[in-house]
PDB file of N, CA and C in Angstrom:
ATOM      1  N   MET A   1      15.854  41.579  42.871  1.00  0.00           N
ATOM      2  CA  MET A   1      15.220  42.915  43.209  1.00  0.00           C
ATOM      3  C   MET A   1      16.331  44.021  43.364  1.00  0.00           C
ATOM      4  N   PRO A   2      16.749  44.665  42.330  1.00  0.00           N
ATOM      5  CA  PRO A   2      17.790  45.699  42.534  1.00  0.00           C
ATOM      6  C   PRO A   2      17.246  46.905  43.264  1.00  0.00           C
ATOM      7  N   HIS A   3      18.241  47.493  44.037  1.00  0.00           N
ATOM      8  CA  HIS A   3      17.925  48.677  44.733  1.00  0.00           C
ATOM      9  C   HIS A   3      19.018  49.703  44.329  1.00  0.00           C
ATOM     10  N   TYR A   4      18.565  50.980  44.102  1.00  0.00           N
ATOM     11  CA  TYR A   4      19.441  51.938  43.556  1.00  0.00           C
ATOM     12  C   TYR A   4      19.464  53.151  44.432  1.00  0.00           C
ATOM     13  N   LEU A   5      20.634  53.797  44.492  1.00  0.00           N
ATOM     14  CA  LEU A   5      20.812  55.149  45.103  1.00  0.00           C
ATOM     15  C   LEU A   5      21.090  56.120  43.986  1.00  0.00           C
ATOM     16  N   ALA A   6      20.298  57.178  43.878  1.00  0.00           N
ATOM     17  CA  ALA A   6      20.525  58.148  42.872  1.00  0.00           C
ATOM     18  C   ALA A   6      21.513  59.187  43.291  1.00  0.00           C
ATOM     19  N   ASP A   7      22.508  59.553  42.435  1.00  0.00           N
ATOM     20  CA  ASP A   7      23.365  60.670  42.681  1.00  0.00           C
ATOM     21  C   ASP A   7      22.608  62.007  42.463  1.00  0.00           C
ATOM     22  N   THR A   8      23.113  63.052  43.013  1.00  0.00           N
ATOM     23  CA  THR A   8      22.423  64.311  42.920  1.00  0.00           C
ATOM     24  C   THR A   8      22.137  64.761  41.454  1.00  0.00           C
ATOM     25  N   SER A   9      23.079  64.591  40.591  1.00  0.00           N
ATOM     26  CA  SER A   9      22.867  64.996  39.265  1.00  0.00           C
ATOM     27  C   SER A   9      21.682  64.348  38.544  1.00  0.00           C
ATOM     28  N   LEU A  10      21.509  63.134  38.855  1.00  0.00           N
ATOM     29  CA  LEU A  10      20.389  62.396  38.287  1.00  0.00           C
ATOM     30  C   LEU A  10      19.031  62.941  39.003  1.00  0.00           C
ATOM     31  N   ILE A  11      19.053  63.120  40.249  1.00  0.00           N
ATOM     32  CA  ILE A  11      17.856  63.574  40.981  1.00  0.00           C
ATOM     33  C   ILE A  11      17.469  65.027  40.365  1.00  0.00           C
ATOM     34  N   VAL A  12      18.415  65.827  40.187  1.00  0.00           N
ATOM     35  CA  VAL A  12      18.152  67.224  39.667  1.00  0.00           C
ATOM     36  C   VAL A  12      17.565  67.089  38.169  1.00  0.00           C
ATOM     37  N   ASP A  13      18.191  66.254  37.366  1.00  0.00           N
ATOM     38  CA  ASP A  13      17.665  66.007  36.108  1.00  0.00           C
ATOM     39  C   ASP A  13      16.194  65.413  36.081  1.00  0.00           C
ATOM     40  N   LEU A  14      15.874  64.511  37.000  1.00  0.00           N
ATOM     41  CA  LEU A  14      14.600  64.004  37.157  1.00  0.00           C
ATOM     42  C   LEU A  14      13.524  65.071  37.554  1.00  0.00           C
ATOM     43  N   ILE A  15      13.933  65.835  38.570  1.00  0.00           N
ATOM     44  CA  ILE A  15      13.082  66.909  38.992  1.00  0.00           C
ATOM     45  C   ILE A  15      12.720  67.873  37.906  1.00  0.00           C
ATOM     46  N   ASN A  16      13.746  68.248  37.131  1.00  0.00           N
ATOM     47  CA  ASN A  16      13.583  69.270  36.064  1.00  0.00           C
ATOM     48  C   ASN A  16      13.239  68.656  34.763  1.00  0.00           C
ATOM     49  N   ASP A  17      12.966  67.384  34.699  1.00  0.00           N
ATOM     50  CA  ASP A  17      12.625  66.597  33.560  1.00  0.00           C
ATOM     51  C   ASP A  17      13.587  66.884  32.345  1.00  0.00           C
ATOM     52  N   ARG A  18      14.845  66.813  32.637  1.00  0.00           N
ATOM     53  CA  ARG A  18      15.889  67.029  31.668  1.00  0.00           C
ATOM     54  C   ARG A  18      16.241  65.802  30.885  1.00  0.00           C
ATOM     55  N   GLY A  19      16.432  65.990  29.530  1.00  0.00           N
ATOM     56  CA  GLY A  19      16.829  64.914  28.717  1.00  0.00           C
ATOM     57  C   GLY A  19      15.740  63.681  28.769  1.00  0.00           C
ATOM     58  N   ASP A  20      16.318  62.555  28.686  1.00  0.00           N
ATOM     59  CA  ASP A  20      15.462  61.426  28.685  1.00  0.00           C
ATOM     60  C   ASP A  20      15.547  60.608  29.936  1.00  0.00           C
ATOM     61  N   ARG A  21      15.826  61.292  31.064  1.00  0.00           N
ATOM     62  CA  ARG A  21      16.146  60.708  32.320  1.00  0.00           C
ATOM     63  C   ARG A  21      14.944  59.895  32.921  1.00  0.00           C
ATOM     64  N   ARG A  22      13.809  60.505  32.859  1.00  0.00           N
ATOM     65  CA  ARG A  22      12.629  59.858  33.354  1.00  0.00           C
ATOM     66  C   ARG A  22      12.329  58.569  32.587  1.00  0.00           C
ATOM     67  N   ASN A  23      12.439  58.563  31.349  1.00  0.00           N
ATOM     68  CA  ASN A  23      12.273  57.293  30.483  1.00  0.00           C
ATOM     69  C   ASN A  23      13.295  56.262  30.920  1.00  0.00           C
ATOM     70  N   PHE A  24      14.526  56.720  31.085  1.00  0.00           N
ATOM     71  CA  PHE A  24      15.633  55.797  31.520  1.00  0.00           C
ATOM     72  C   PHE A  24      15.296  55.175  32.791  1.00  0.00           C
ATOM     73  N   VAL A  25      14.869  55.904  33.757  1.00  0.00           N
ATOM     74  CA  VAL A  25      14.575  55.373  35.167  1.00  0.00           C
ATOM     75  C   VAL A  25      13.310  54.414  35.016  1.00  0.00           C
ATOM     76  N   ARG A  26      12.336  54.837  34.273  1.00  0.00           N
ATOM     77  CA  ARG A  26      11.156  54.009  34.005  1.00  0.00           C
ATOM     78  C   ARG A  26      11.545  52.634  33.505  1.00  0.00           C
ATOM     79  N   GLN A  27      12.455  52.634  32.461  1.00  0.00           N
ATOM     80  CA  GLN A  27      12.863  51.391  31.884  1.00  0.00           C
ATOM     81  C   GLN A  27      13.799  50.601  32.794  1.00  0.00           C
ATOM     82  N   LEU A  28      14.600  51.244  33.643  1.00  0.00           N
ATOM     83  CA  LEU A  28      15.499  50.580  34.501  1.00  0.00           C
ATOM     84  C   LEU A  28      14.749  49.914  35.685  1.00  0.00           C
ATOM     85  N   LEU A  29      13.898  50.626  36.316  1.00  0.00           N
ATOM     86  CA  LEU A  29      13.255  50.045  37.515  1.00  0.00           C
ATOM     87  C   LEU A  29      12.069  49.065  37.138  1.00  0.00           C
ATOM     88  N   LYS A  30      12.240  47.944  37.648  1.00  0.00           N
ATOM     89  CA  LYS A  30      11.160  46.878  37.452  1.00  0.00           C
ATOM     90  C   LYS A  30      10.364  46.808  38.708  1.00  0.00           C
ATOM     91  N   PRO A  31       9.213  46.126  38.663  1.00  0.00           N
ATOM     92  CA  PRO A  31       8.433  45.934  39.892  1.00  0.00           C
ATOM     93  C   PRO A  31       9.165  45.359  41.073  1.00  0.00           C
ATOM     94  N   GLY A  32       9.120  46.041  42.205  1.00  0.00           N
ATOM     95  CA  GLY A  32       9.912  45.627  43.295  1.00  0.00           C
ATOM     96  C   GLY A  32      11.309  46.299  43.504  1.00  0.00           C
ATOM     97  N   ASP A  33      11.722  46.925  42.366  1.00  0.00           N
ATOM     98  CA  ASP A  33      13.048  47.714  42.473  1.00  0.00           C
ATOM     99  C   ASP A  33      12.749  48.995  43.315  1.00  0.00           C
ATOM    100  N   THR A  34      13.817  49.552  43.869  1.00  0.00           N
ATOM    101  CA  THR A  34      13.680  50.764  44.601  1.00  0.00           C
ATOM    102  C   THR A  34      14.728  51.840  44.151  1.00  0.00           C
ATOM    103  N   LEU A  35      14.334  53.134  44.307  1.00  0.00           N
ATOM    104  CA  LEU A  35      15.307  54.206  44.062  1.00  0.00           C
ATOM    105  C   LEU A  35      15.261  55.079  45.278  1.00  0.00           C
ATOM    106  N   GLY A  36      16.429  55.467  45.708  1.00  0.00           N
ATOM    107  CA  GLY A  36      16.476  56.264  46.944  1.00  0.00           C
ATOM    108  C   GLY A  36      17.545  57.391  46.852  1.00  0.00           C
ATOM    109  N   TYR A  37      17.671  58.122  47.922  1.00  0.00           N
ATOM    110  CA  TYR A  37      18.588  59.216  48.009  1.00  0.00           C
ATOM    111  C   TYR A  37      18.952  59.220  49.464  1.00  0.00           C
ATOM    112  N   CYS A  38      20.073  60.059  49.702  1.00  0.00           N
ATOM    113  CA  CYS A  38      20.503  60.149  51.121  1.00  0.00           C
ATOM    114  C   CYS A  38      20.635  61.564  51.580  1.00  0.00           C
ATOM    115  N   THR A  39      21.089  61.842  52.778  1.00  0.00           N
ATOM    116  CA  THR A  39      21.184  63.100  53.366  1.00  0.00           C
ATOM    117  C   THR A  39      21.948  64.081  52.517  1.00  0.00           C
ATOM    118  N   ILE A  40      23.050  63.626  51.888  1.00  0.00           N
ATOM    119  CA  ILE A  40      23.964  64.491  51.115  1.00  0.00           C
ATOM    120  C   ILE A  40      23.128  64.865  49.812  1.00  0.00           C
ATOM    121  N   ASN A  41      22.433  64.011  49.242  1.00  0.00           N
ATOM    122  CA  ASN A  41      21.708  64.408  48.021  1.00  0.00           C
ATOM    123  C   ASN A  41      20.692  65.509  48.398  1.00  0.00           C
ATOM    124  N   LEU A  42      19.991  65.350  49.534  1.00  0.00           N
ATOM    125  CA  LEU A  42      18.991  66.281  49.930  1.00  0.00           C
ATOM    126  C   LEU A  42      19.615  67.685  50.150  1.00  0.00           C
ATOM    127  N   ILE A  43      20.854  67.700  50.811  1.00  0.00           N
ATOM    128  CA  ILE A  43      21.446  68.966  51.022  1.00  0.00           C
ATOM    129  C   ILE A  43      21.822  69.635  49.609  1.00  0.00           C
ATOM    130  N   GLU A  44      22.355  68.839  48.745  1.00  0.00           N
ATOM    131  CA  GLU A  44      22.868  69.328  47.467  1.00  0.00           C
ATOM    132  C   GLU A  44      21.671  69.845  46.617  1.00  0.00           C
ATOM    133  N   VAL A  45      20.587  69.053  46.635  1.00  0.00           N
ATOM    134  CA  VAL A  45      19.391  69.471  45.871  1.00  0.00           C
ATOM    135  C   VAL A  45      18.826  70.776  46.373  1.00  0.00           C
ATOM    136  N   TYR A  46      18.718  70.928  47.703  1.00  0.00           N
ATOM    137  CA  TYR A  46      18.164  72.142  48.305  1.00  0.00           C
ATOM    138  C   TYR A  46      19.204  73.356  48.198  1.00  0.00           C
ATOM    139  N   THR A  47      20.452  72.980  48.066  1.00  0.00           N
ATOM    140  CA  THR A  47      21.436  74.096  47.874  1.00  0.00           C
ATOM    141  C   THR A  47      21.241  74.736  46.462  1.00  0.00           C
ATOM    142  N   GLY A  48      20.921  73.975  45.427  1.00  0.00           N
ATOM    143  CA  GLY A  48      20.729  74.458  44.151  1.00  0.00           C
ATOM    144  C   GLY A  48      19.339  74.812  43.789  1.00  0.00           C
ATOM    145  N   MET A  49      18.373  74.667  44.696  1.00  0.00           N
ATOM    146  CA  MET A  49      16.951  74.924  44.362  1.00  0.00           C
ATOM    147  C   MET A  49      16.700  76.391  44.300  1.00  0.00           C
ATOM    148  N   ARG A  50      15.962  76.843  43.312  1.00  0.00           N
ATOM    149  CA  ARG A  50      15.554  78.259  43.156  1.00  0.00           C
ATOM    150  C   ARG A  50      14.226  78.495  43.779  1.00  0.00           C
ATOM    151  N   PRO A  51      14.011  79.785  44.075  1.00  0.00           N
ATOM    152  CA  PRO A  51      12.637  80.117  44.634  1.00  0.00           C
ATOM    153  C   PRO A  51      11.546  79.559  43.728  1.00  0.00           C
ATOM    154  N   GLY A  52      10.544  79.041  44.299  1.00  0.00           N
ATOM    155  CA  GLY A  52       9.407  78.588  43.542  1.00  0.00           C
ATOM    156  C   GLY A  52       9.474  77.116  43.166  1.00  0.00           C
ATOM    157  N   GLU A  53      10.601  76.414  43.456  1.00  0.00           N
ATOM    158  CA  GLU A  53      10.806  75.090  43.081  1.00  0.00           C
ATOM    159  C   GLU A  53      10.550  74.117  44.330  1.00  0.00           C
ATOM    160  N   GLU A  54      10.282  74.666  45.465  1.00  0.00           N
ATOM    161  CA  GLU A  54      10.111  73.886  46.610  1.00  0.00           C
ATOM    162  C   GLU A  54       9.009  72.831  46.493  1.00  0.00           C
ATOM    163  N   GLU A  55       7.915  73.213  46.047  1.00  0.00           N
ATOM    164  CA  GLU A  55       6.752  72.222  46.027  1.00  0.00           C
ATOM    165  C   GLU A  55       7.099  71.038  45.051  1.00  0.00           C
ATOM    166  N   ALA A  56       7.519  71.392  43.850  1.00  0.00           N
ATOM    167  CA  ALA A  56       7.890  70.328  42.923  1.00  0.00           C
ATOM    168  C   ALA A  56       8.988  69.444  43.473  1.00  0.00           C
ATOM    169  N   THR A  57       9.913  70.037  44.045  1.00  0.00           N
ATOM    170  CA  THR A  57      11.092  69.231  44.586  1.00  0.00           C
ATOM    171  C   THR A  57      10.560  68.295  45.728  1.00  0.00           C
ATOM    172  N   ALA A  58       9.791  68.884  46.621  1.00  0.00           N
ATOM    173  CA  ALA A  58       9.333  68.060  47.695  1.00  0.00           C
ATOM    174  C   ALA A  58       8.413  66.945  47.226  1.00  0.00           C
ATOM    175  N   GLY A  59       7.609  67.264  46.216  1.00  0.00           N
ATOM    176  CA  GLY A  59       6.684  66.320  45.649  1.00  0.00           C
ATOM    177  C   GLY A  59       7.399  65.103  45.003  1.00  0.00           C
ATOM    178  N   PHE A  60       8.580  65.427  44.425  1.00  0.00           N
ATOM    179  CA  PHE A  60       9.391  64.451  43.751  1.00  0.00           C
ATOM    180  C   PHE A  60      10.088  63.572  44.802  1.00  0.00           C
ATOM    181  N   MET A  61      10.735  64.223  45.758  1.00  0.00           N
ATOM    182  CA  MET A  61      11.601  63.568  46.754  1.00  0.00           C
ATOM    183  C   MET A  61      10.794  62.572  47.613  1.00  0.00           C
ATOM    184  N   VAL A  62       9.522  62.908  47.858  1.00  0.00           N
ATOM    185  CA  VAL A  62       8.701  62.035  48.757  1.00  0.00           C
ATOM    186  C   VAL A  62       8.453  60.691  48.117  1.00  0.00           C
ATOM    187  N   ARG A  63       8.582  60.625  46.804  1.00  0.00           N
ATOM    188  CA  ARG A  63       8.385  59.323  46.121  1.00  0.00           C
ATOM    189  C   ARG A  63       9.626  58.373  46.153  1.00  0.00           C
ATOM    190  N   LEU A  64      10.730  58.823  46.650  1.00  0.00           N
ATOM    191  CA  LEU A  64      11.914  58.083  46.761  1.00  0.00           C
ATOM    192  C   LEU A  64      12.104  57.550  48.148  1.00  0.00           C
ATOM    193  N   LEU A  65      12.902  56.487  48.306  1.00  0.00           N
ATOM    194  CA  LEU A  65      13.343  56.060  49.635  1.00  0.00           C
ATOM    195  C   LEU A  65      14.377  56.984  50.250  1.00  0.00           C
ATOM    196  N   TYR A  66      14.390  57.255  51.514  1.00  0.00           N
ATOM    197  CA  TYR A  66      15.387  58.063  52.058  1.00  0.00           C
ATOM    198  C   TYR A  66      16.301  57.224  52.956  1.00  0.00           C
ATOM    199  N   TYR A  67      17.613  57.389  52.754  1.00  0.00           N
ATOM    200  CA  TYR A  67      18.632  56.723  53.611  1.00  0.00           C
ATOM    201  C   TYR A  67      19.386  57.699  54.430  1.00  0.00           C
ATOM    202  N   ASP A  68      19.241  57.562  55.724  1.00  0.00           N
ATOM    203  CA  ASP A  68      19.975  58.532  56.684  1.00  0.00           C
ATOM    204  C   ASP A  68      21.370  58.143  56.721  1.00  0.00           C
ATOM    205  N   VAL A  69      22.198  59.110  57.166  1.00  0.00           N
ATOM    206  CA  VAL A  69      23.575  58.879  57.417  1.00  0.00           C
ATOM    207  C   VAL A  69      23.771  58.585  58.889  1.00  0.00           C
ATOM    208  N   THR A  70      23.955  57.335  59.174  1.00  0.00           N
ATOM    209  CA  THR A  70      24.153  56.877  60.536  1.00  0.00           C
ATOM    210  C   THR A  70      25.611  57.070  60.985  1.00  0.00           C
ATOM    211  N   GLN A  71      25.908  56.731  62.232  1.00  0.00           N
ATOM    212  CA  GLN A  71      27.277  56.759  62.674  1.00  0.00           C
ATOM    213  C   GLN A  71      28.133  55.701  61.930  1.00  0.00           C
ATOM    214  N   GLU A  72      27.551  54.573  61.726  1.00  0.00           N
ATOM    215  CA  GLU A  72      28.288  53.534  61.040  1.00  0.00           C
ATOM    216  C   GLU A  72      28.598  53.976  59.603  1.00  0.00           C
ATOM    217  N   ILE A  73      27.639  54.571  58.979  1.00  0.00           N
ATOM    218  CA  ILE A  73      27.904  55.063  57.559  1.00  0.00           C
ATOM    219  C   ILE A  73      28.947  56.177  57.642  1.00  0.00           C
ATOM    220  N   ALA A  74      28.884  57.059  58.519  1.00  0.00           N
ATOM    221  CA  ALA A  74      29.914  58.176  58.644  1.00  0.00           C
ATOM    222  C   ALA A  74      31.301  57.568  58.891  1.00  0.00           C
ATOM    223  N   LYS A  75      31.347  56.556  59.732  1.00  0.00           N
ATOM    224  CA  LYS A  75      32.665  55.932  59.882  1.00  0.00           C
ATOM    225  C   LYS A  75      33.188  55.260  58.647  1.00  0.00           C
ATOM    226  N   LEU A  76      32.296  54.668  57.856  1.00  0.00           N
ATOM    227  CA  LEU A  76      32.664  54.044  56.587  1.00  0.00           C
ATOM    228  C   LEU A  76      33.161  55.123  55.631  1.00  0.00           C
ATOM    229  N   ALA A  77      32.383  56.221  55.605  1.00  0.00           N
ATOM    230  CA  ALA A  77      32.849  57.363  54.637  1.00  0.00           C
ATOM    231  C   ALA A  77      34.224  57.837  55.056  1.00  0.00           C
ATOM    232  N   GLY A  78      34.473  57.993  56.325  1.00  0.00           N
ATOM    233  CA  GLY A  78      35.833  58.406  56.789  1.00  0.00           C
ATOM    234  C   GLY A  78      36.876  57.367  56.371  1.00  0.00           C
ATOM    235  N   SER A  79      36.568  56.094  56.519  1.00  0.00           N
ATOM    236  CA  SER A  79      37.556  55.103  56.117  1.00  0.00           C
ATOM    237  C   SER A  79      37.777  55.044  54.586  1.00  0.00           C
ATOM    238  N   LEU A  80      36.806  55.294  53.837  1.00  0.00           N
ATOM    239  CA  LEU A  80      36.914  55.438  52.410  1.00  0.00           C
ATOM    240  C   LEU A  80      37.795  56.612  51.920  1.00  0.00           C
ATOM    241  N   ARG A  81      37.566  57.694  52.596  1.00  0.00           N
ATOM    242  CA  ARG A  81      38.434  58.884  52.299  1.00  0.00           C
ATOM    243  C   ARG A  81      39.865  58.638  52.629  1.00  0.00           C
ATOM    244  N   TYR A  82      40.072  57.997  53.841  1.00  0.00           N
ATOM    245  CA  TYR A  82      41.444  57.673  54.235  1.00  0.00           C
ATOM    246  C   TYR A  82      42.058  56.656  53.239  1.00  0.00           C
ATOM    247  N   GLN A  83      41.375  55.592  52.994  1.00  0.00           N
ATOM    248  CA  GLN A  83      41.950  54.582  52.070  1.00  0.00           C
ATOM    249  C   GLN A  83      42.295  55.153  50.678  1.00  0.00           C
ATOM    250  N   TRP A  84      41.384  55.864  50.119  1.00  0.00           N
ATOM    251  CA  TRP A  84      41.671  56.377  48.774  1.00  0.00           C
ATOM    252  C   TRP A  84      42.663  57.628  48.687  1.00  0.00           C
ATOM    253  N   ARG A  85      42.745  58.328  49.811  1.00  0.00           N
ATOM    254  CA  ARG A  85      43.751  59.400  49.869  1.00  0.00           C
ATOM    255  C   ARG A  85      45.164  58.796  49.905  1.00  0.00           C
ATOM    256  N   ARG A  86      45.234  57.631  50.575  1.00  0.00           N
ATOM    257  CA  ARG A  86      46.575  56.961  50.607  1.00  0.00           C
ATOM    258  C   ARG A  86      46.913  56.425  49.221  1.00  0.00           C
ATOM    259  N   GLN A  87      45.942  56.246  48.356  1.00  0.00           N
ATOM    260  CA  GLN A  87      46.204  55.766  47.004  1.00  0.00           C
ATOM    261  C   GLN A  87      46.264  56.901  45.991  1.00  0.00           C
ATOM    262  N   GLY A  88      46.290  58.088  46.515  1.00  0.00           N
ATOM    263  CA  GLY A  88      46.409  59.345  45.643  1.00  0.00           C
ATOM    264  C   GLY A  88      45.166  59.873  45.085  1.00  0.00           C
ATOM    265  N   HIS A  89      44.015  59.390  45.551  1.00  0.00           N
ATOM    266  CA  HIS A  89      42.693  59.845  45.019  1.00  0.00           C
ATOM    267  C   HIS A  89      41.899  60.496  46.118  1.00  0.00           C
ATOM    268  N   THR A  90      41.807  61.800  46.054  1.00  0.00           N
ATOM    269  CA  THR A  90      41.061  62.515  47.063  1.00  0.00           C
ATOM    270  C   THR A  90      39.563  62.481  46.800  1.00  0.00           C
ATOM    271  N   LEU A  91      38.838  61.894  47.775  1.00  0.00           N
ATOM    272  CA  LEU A  91      37.402  61.903  47.690  1.00  0.00           C
ATOM    273  C   LEU A  91      36.740  63.054  48.499  1.00  0.00           C
ATOM    274  N   SER A  92      35.766  63.720  47.868  1.00  0.00           N
ATOM    275  CA  SER A  92      35.073  64.749  48.662  1.00  0.00           C
ATOM    276  C   SER A  92      34.335  64.074  49.728  1.00  0.00           C
ATOM    277  N   LEU A  93      34.026  64.878  50.802  1.00  0.00           N
ATOM    278  CA  LEU A  93      33.136  64.393  51.882  1.00  0.00           C
ATOM    279  C   LEU A  93      31.869  63.909  51.385  1.00  0.00           C
ATOM    280  N   ALA A  94      31.244  64.670  50.496  1.00  0.00           N
ATOM    281  CA  ALA A  94      29.955  64.263  49.925  1.00  0.00           C
ATOM    282  C   ALA A  94      29.990  62.993  49.159  1.00  0.00           C
ATOM    283  N   ASP A  95      31.025  62.839  48.283  1.00  0.00           N
ATOM    284  CA  ASP A  95      31.050  61.572  47.445  1.00  0.00           C
ATOM    285  C   ASP A  95      31.394  60.405  48.337  1.00  0.00           C
ATOM    286  N   ALA A  96      32.271  60.558  49.328  1.00  0.00           N
ATOM    287  CA  ALA A  96      32.596  59.433  50.231  1.00  0.00           C
ATOM    288  C   ALA A  96      31.332  59.011  50.974  1.00  0.00           C
ATOM    289  N   THR A  97      30.517  60.023  51.417  1.00  0.00           N
ATOM    290  CA  THR A  97      29.288  59.696  52.159  1.00  0.00           C
ATOM    291  C   THR A  97      28.296  58.980  51.286  1.00  0.00           C
ATOM    292  N   ILE A  98      28.052  59.440  50.039  1.00  0.00           N
ATOM    293  CA  ILE A  98      27.161  58.778  49.141  1.00  0.00           C
ATOM    294  C   ILE A  98      27.583  57.386  48.906  1.00  0.00           C
ATOM    295  N   ALA A  99      28.897  57.227  48.616  1.00  0.00           N
ATOM    296  CA  ALA A  99      29.396  55.862  48.401  1.00  0.00           C
ATOM    297  C   ALA A  99      29.224  54.938  49.673  1.00  0.00           C
ATOM    298  N   ALA A 100      29.399  55.519  50.815  1.00  0.00           N
ATOM    299  CA  ALA A 100      29.237  54.783  52.041  1.00  0.00           C
ATOM    300  C   ALA A 100      27.738  54.330  52.256  1.00  0.00           C
ATOM    301  N   VAL A 101      26.875  55.186  51.882  1.00  0.00           N
ATOM    302  CA  VAL A 101      25.429  54.876  52.010  1.00  0.00           C
ATOM    303  C   VAL A 101      25.168  53.626  51.117  1.00  0.00           C
ATOM    304  N   ALA A 102      25.606  53.806  49.766  1.00  0.00           N
ATOM    305  CA  ALA A 102      25.362  52.744  48.789  1.00  0.00           C
ATOM    306  C   ALA A 102      25.989  51.442  49.271  1.00  0.00           C
ATOM    307  N   LEU A 103      27.171  51.512  49.766  1.00  0.00           N
ATOM    308  CA  LEU A 103      27.890  50.212  50.157  1.00  0.00           C
ATOM    309  C   LEU A 103      27.213  49.593  51.342  1.00  0.00           C
ATOM    310  N   HIS A 104      26.814  50.465  52.290  1.00  0.00           N
ATOM    311  CA  HIS A 104      26.261  49.962  53.506  1.00  0.00           C
ATOM    312  C   HIS A 104      24.910  49.240  53.316  1.00  0.00           C
ATOM    313  N   HIS A 105      24.096  49.820  52.409  1.00  0.00           N
ATOM    314  CA  HIS A 105      22.825  49.336  52.071  1.00  0.00           C
ATOM    315  C   HIS A 105      22.745  48.398  50.891  1.00  0.00           C
ATOM    316  N   ASN A 106      23.895  48.161  50.367  1.00  0.00           N
ATOM    317  CA  ASN A 106      24.090  47.234  49.086  1.00  0.00           C
ATOM    318  C   ASN A 106      23.233  47.772  48.007  1.00  0.00           C
ATOM    319  N   LEU A 107      23.449  49.085  47.698  1.00  0.00           N
ATOM    320  CA  LEU A 107      22.640  49.777  46.622  1.00  0.00           C
ATOM    321  C   LEU A 107      23.657  50.043  45.453  1.00  0.00           C
ATOM    322  N   ALA A 108      23.110  49.965  44.195  1.00  0.00           N
ATOM    323  CA  ALA A 108      23.831  50.292  43.026  1.00  0.00           C
ATOM    324  C   ALA A 108      23.660  51.927  42.916  1.00  0.00           C
ATOM    325  N   LEU A 109      24.810  52.478  42.690  1.00  0.00           N
ATOM    326  CA  LEU A 109      24.734  53.993  42.562  1.00  0.00           C
ATOM    327  C   LEU A 109      24.564  54.419  41.118  1.00  0.00           C
ATOM    328  N   LEU A 110      23.568  55.212  40.921  1.00  0.00           N
ATOM    329  CA  LEU A 110      23.318  55.810  39.579  1.00  0.00           C
ATOM    330  C   LEU A 110      23.903  57.265  39.462  1.00  0.00           C
ATOM    331  N   THR A 111      24.971  57.300  38.797  1.00  0.00           N
ATOM    332  CA  THR A 111      25.761  58.525  38.763  1.00  0.00           C
ATOM    333  C   THR A 111      26.339  58.854  37.376  1.00  0.00           C
ATOM    334  N   ASP A 112      26.426  60.118  37.012  1.00  0.00           N
ATOM    335  CA  ASP A 112      27.161  60.462  35.809  1.00  0.00           C
ATOM    336  C   ASP A 112      28.669  60.644  36.132  1.00  0.00           C
ATOM    337  N   ASN A 113      28.986  60.734  37.371  1.00  0.00           N
ATOM    338  CA  ASN A 113      30.318  61.103  37.773  1.00  0.00           C
ATOM    339  C   ASN A 113      31.044  59.862  38.289  1.00  0.00           C
ATOM    340  N   ARG A 114      31.221  58.909  37.483  1.00  0.00           N
ATOM    341  CA  ARG A 114      31.807  57.584  37.804  1.00  0.00           C
ATOM    342  C   ARG A 114      33.230  57.811  38.365  1.00  0.00           C
ATOM    343  N   LYS A 115      34.001  58.800  37.913  1.00  0.00           N
ATOM    344  CA  LYS A 115      35.425  58.982  38.338  1.00  0.00           C
ATOM    345  C   LYS A 115      35.451  59.489  39.884  1.00  0.00           C
ATOM    346  N   HIS A 116      34.318  59.901  40.325  1.00  0.00           N
ATOM    347  CA  HIS A 116      34.307  60.358  41.677  1.00  0.00           C
ATOM    348  C   HIS A 116      34.112  59.163  42.642  1.00  0.00           C
ATOM    349  N   PHE A 117      33.839  57.933  42.054  1.00  0.00           N
ATOM    350  CA  PHE A 117      33.540  56.796  42.841  1.00  0.00           C
ATOM    351  C   PHE A 117      34.354  55.618  42.430  1.00  0.00           C
ATOM    352  N   PRO A 118      35.692  55.584  42.682  1.00  0.00           N
ATOM    353  CA  PRO A 118      36.564  54.645  42.268  1.00  0.00           C
ATOM    354  C   PRO A 118      36.507  53.270  42.946  1.00  0.00           C
ATOM    355  N   MET A 119      35.681  53.080  43.920  1.00  0.00           N
ATOM    356  CA  MET A 119      35.604  51.832  44.643  1.00  0.00           C
ATOM    357  C   MET A 119      35.176  50.632  43.814  1.00  0.00           C
ATOM    358  N   PRO A 120      35.970  49.662  43.680  1.00  0.00           N
ATOM    359  CA  PRO A 120      35.637  48.487  42.789  1.00  0.00           C
ATOM    360  C   PRO A 120      34.487  47.784  43.410  1.00  0.00           C
ATOM    361  N   GLU A 121      34.282  47.775  44.711  1.00  0.00           N
ATOM    362  CA  GLU A 121      33.139  47.001  45.225  1.00  0.00           C
ATOM    363  C   GLU A 121      31.717  47.755  45.122  1.00  0.00           C
ATOM    364  N   LEU A 122      31.815  49.017  44.596  1.00  0.00           N
ATOM    365  CA  LEU A 122      30.536  49.852  44.430  1.00  0.00           C
ATOM    366  C   LEU A 122      29.936  49.621  43.064  1.00  0.00           C
ATOM    367  N   ALA A 123      28.795  49.101  43.002  1.00  0.00           N
ATOM    368  CA  ALA A 123      28.039  48.918  41.650  1.00  0.00           C
ATOM    369  C   ALA A 123      27.737  50.221  41.019  1.00  0.00           C
ATOM    370  N   LEU A 124      28.164  50.412  39.780  1.00  0.00           N
ATOM    371  CA  LEU A 124      27.875  51.667  39.101  1.00  0.00           C
ATOM    372  C   LEU A 124      27.343  51.305  37.751  1.00  0.00           C
ATOM    373  N   PRO A 125      25.968  50.963  37.611  1.00  0.00           N
ATOM    374  CA  PRO A 125      25.385  50.650  36.347  1.00  0.00           C
ATOM    375  C   PRO A 125      25.542  51.843  35.415  1.00  0.00           C
ATOM    376  N   PRO A 126      25.571  51.597  34.079  1.00  0.00           N
ATOM    377  CA  PRO A 126      25.703  52.720  33.097  1.00  0.00           C
ATOM    378  C   PRO A 126      24.404  53.496  33.110  1.00  0.00           C
ATOM    379  N   ILE A 127      24.472  54.822  33.002  1.00  0.00           N
ATOM    380  CA  ILE A 127      23.230  55.592  32.874  1.00  0.00           C
ATOM    381  C   ILE A 127      23.475  56.562  31.699  1.00  0.00           C
TER     382      ILE A 127
END
C-alpha cells in the first residue's frame, strides 16, 4: 500500500486541472494508497492563490492527508540541509522540510523538481 506526498507543483496542477495530472494520479493511486501534503505545500499553495480560488483550493486540499511539521521533522530538515550543504548542494528550507516529512513518514515524493531532492533514501517515482 504505497503512500505519497505531493510536491507543490503537482498540487497546483491538480487544483487547476493542468495537463494530464488528474489522470496520472488516478492511474497511480490504487485502493488503499494515500496522497498527502504538508505545511510547506499549504503555505506555497496559498502564496500563489488568486482571489476567487479559495473555495476550489480548500475543496481539493480537504481530500488529501495532511502531515504536520513536528519538532522531529524540523530537526531532520535541519540535518538534511547541513548534510547536503557540506556536500556542496544547498537545499532550500522548503525542500528540506518536504523531504523530511516524506522520509519521516516513509512517503514517496511526487515532484517535477527531482534535482531539489538529491537524497538517495527518498523515493521519487517518475511523474
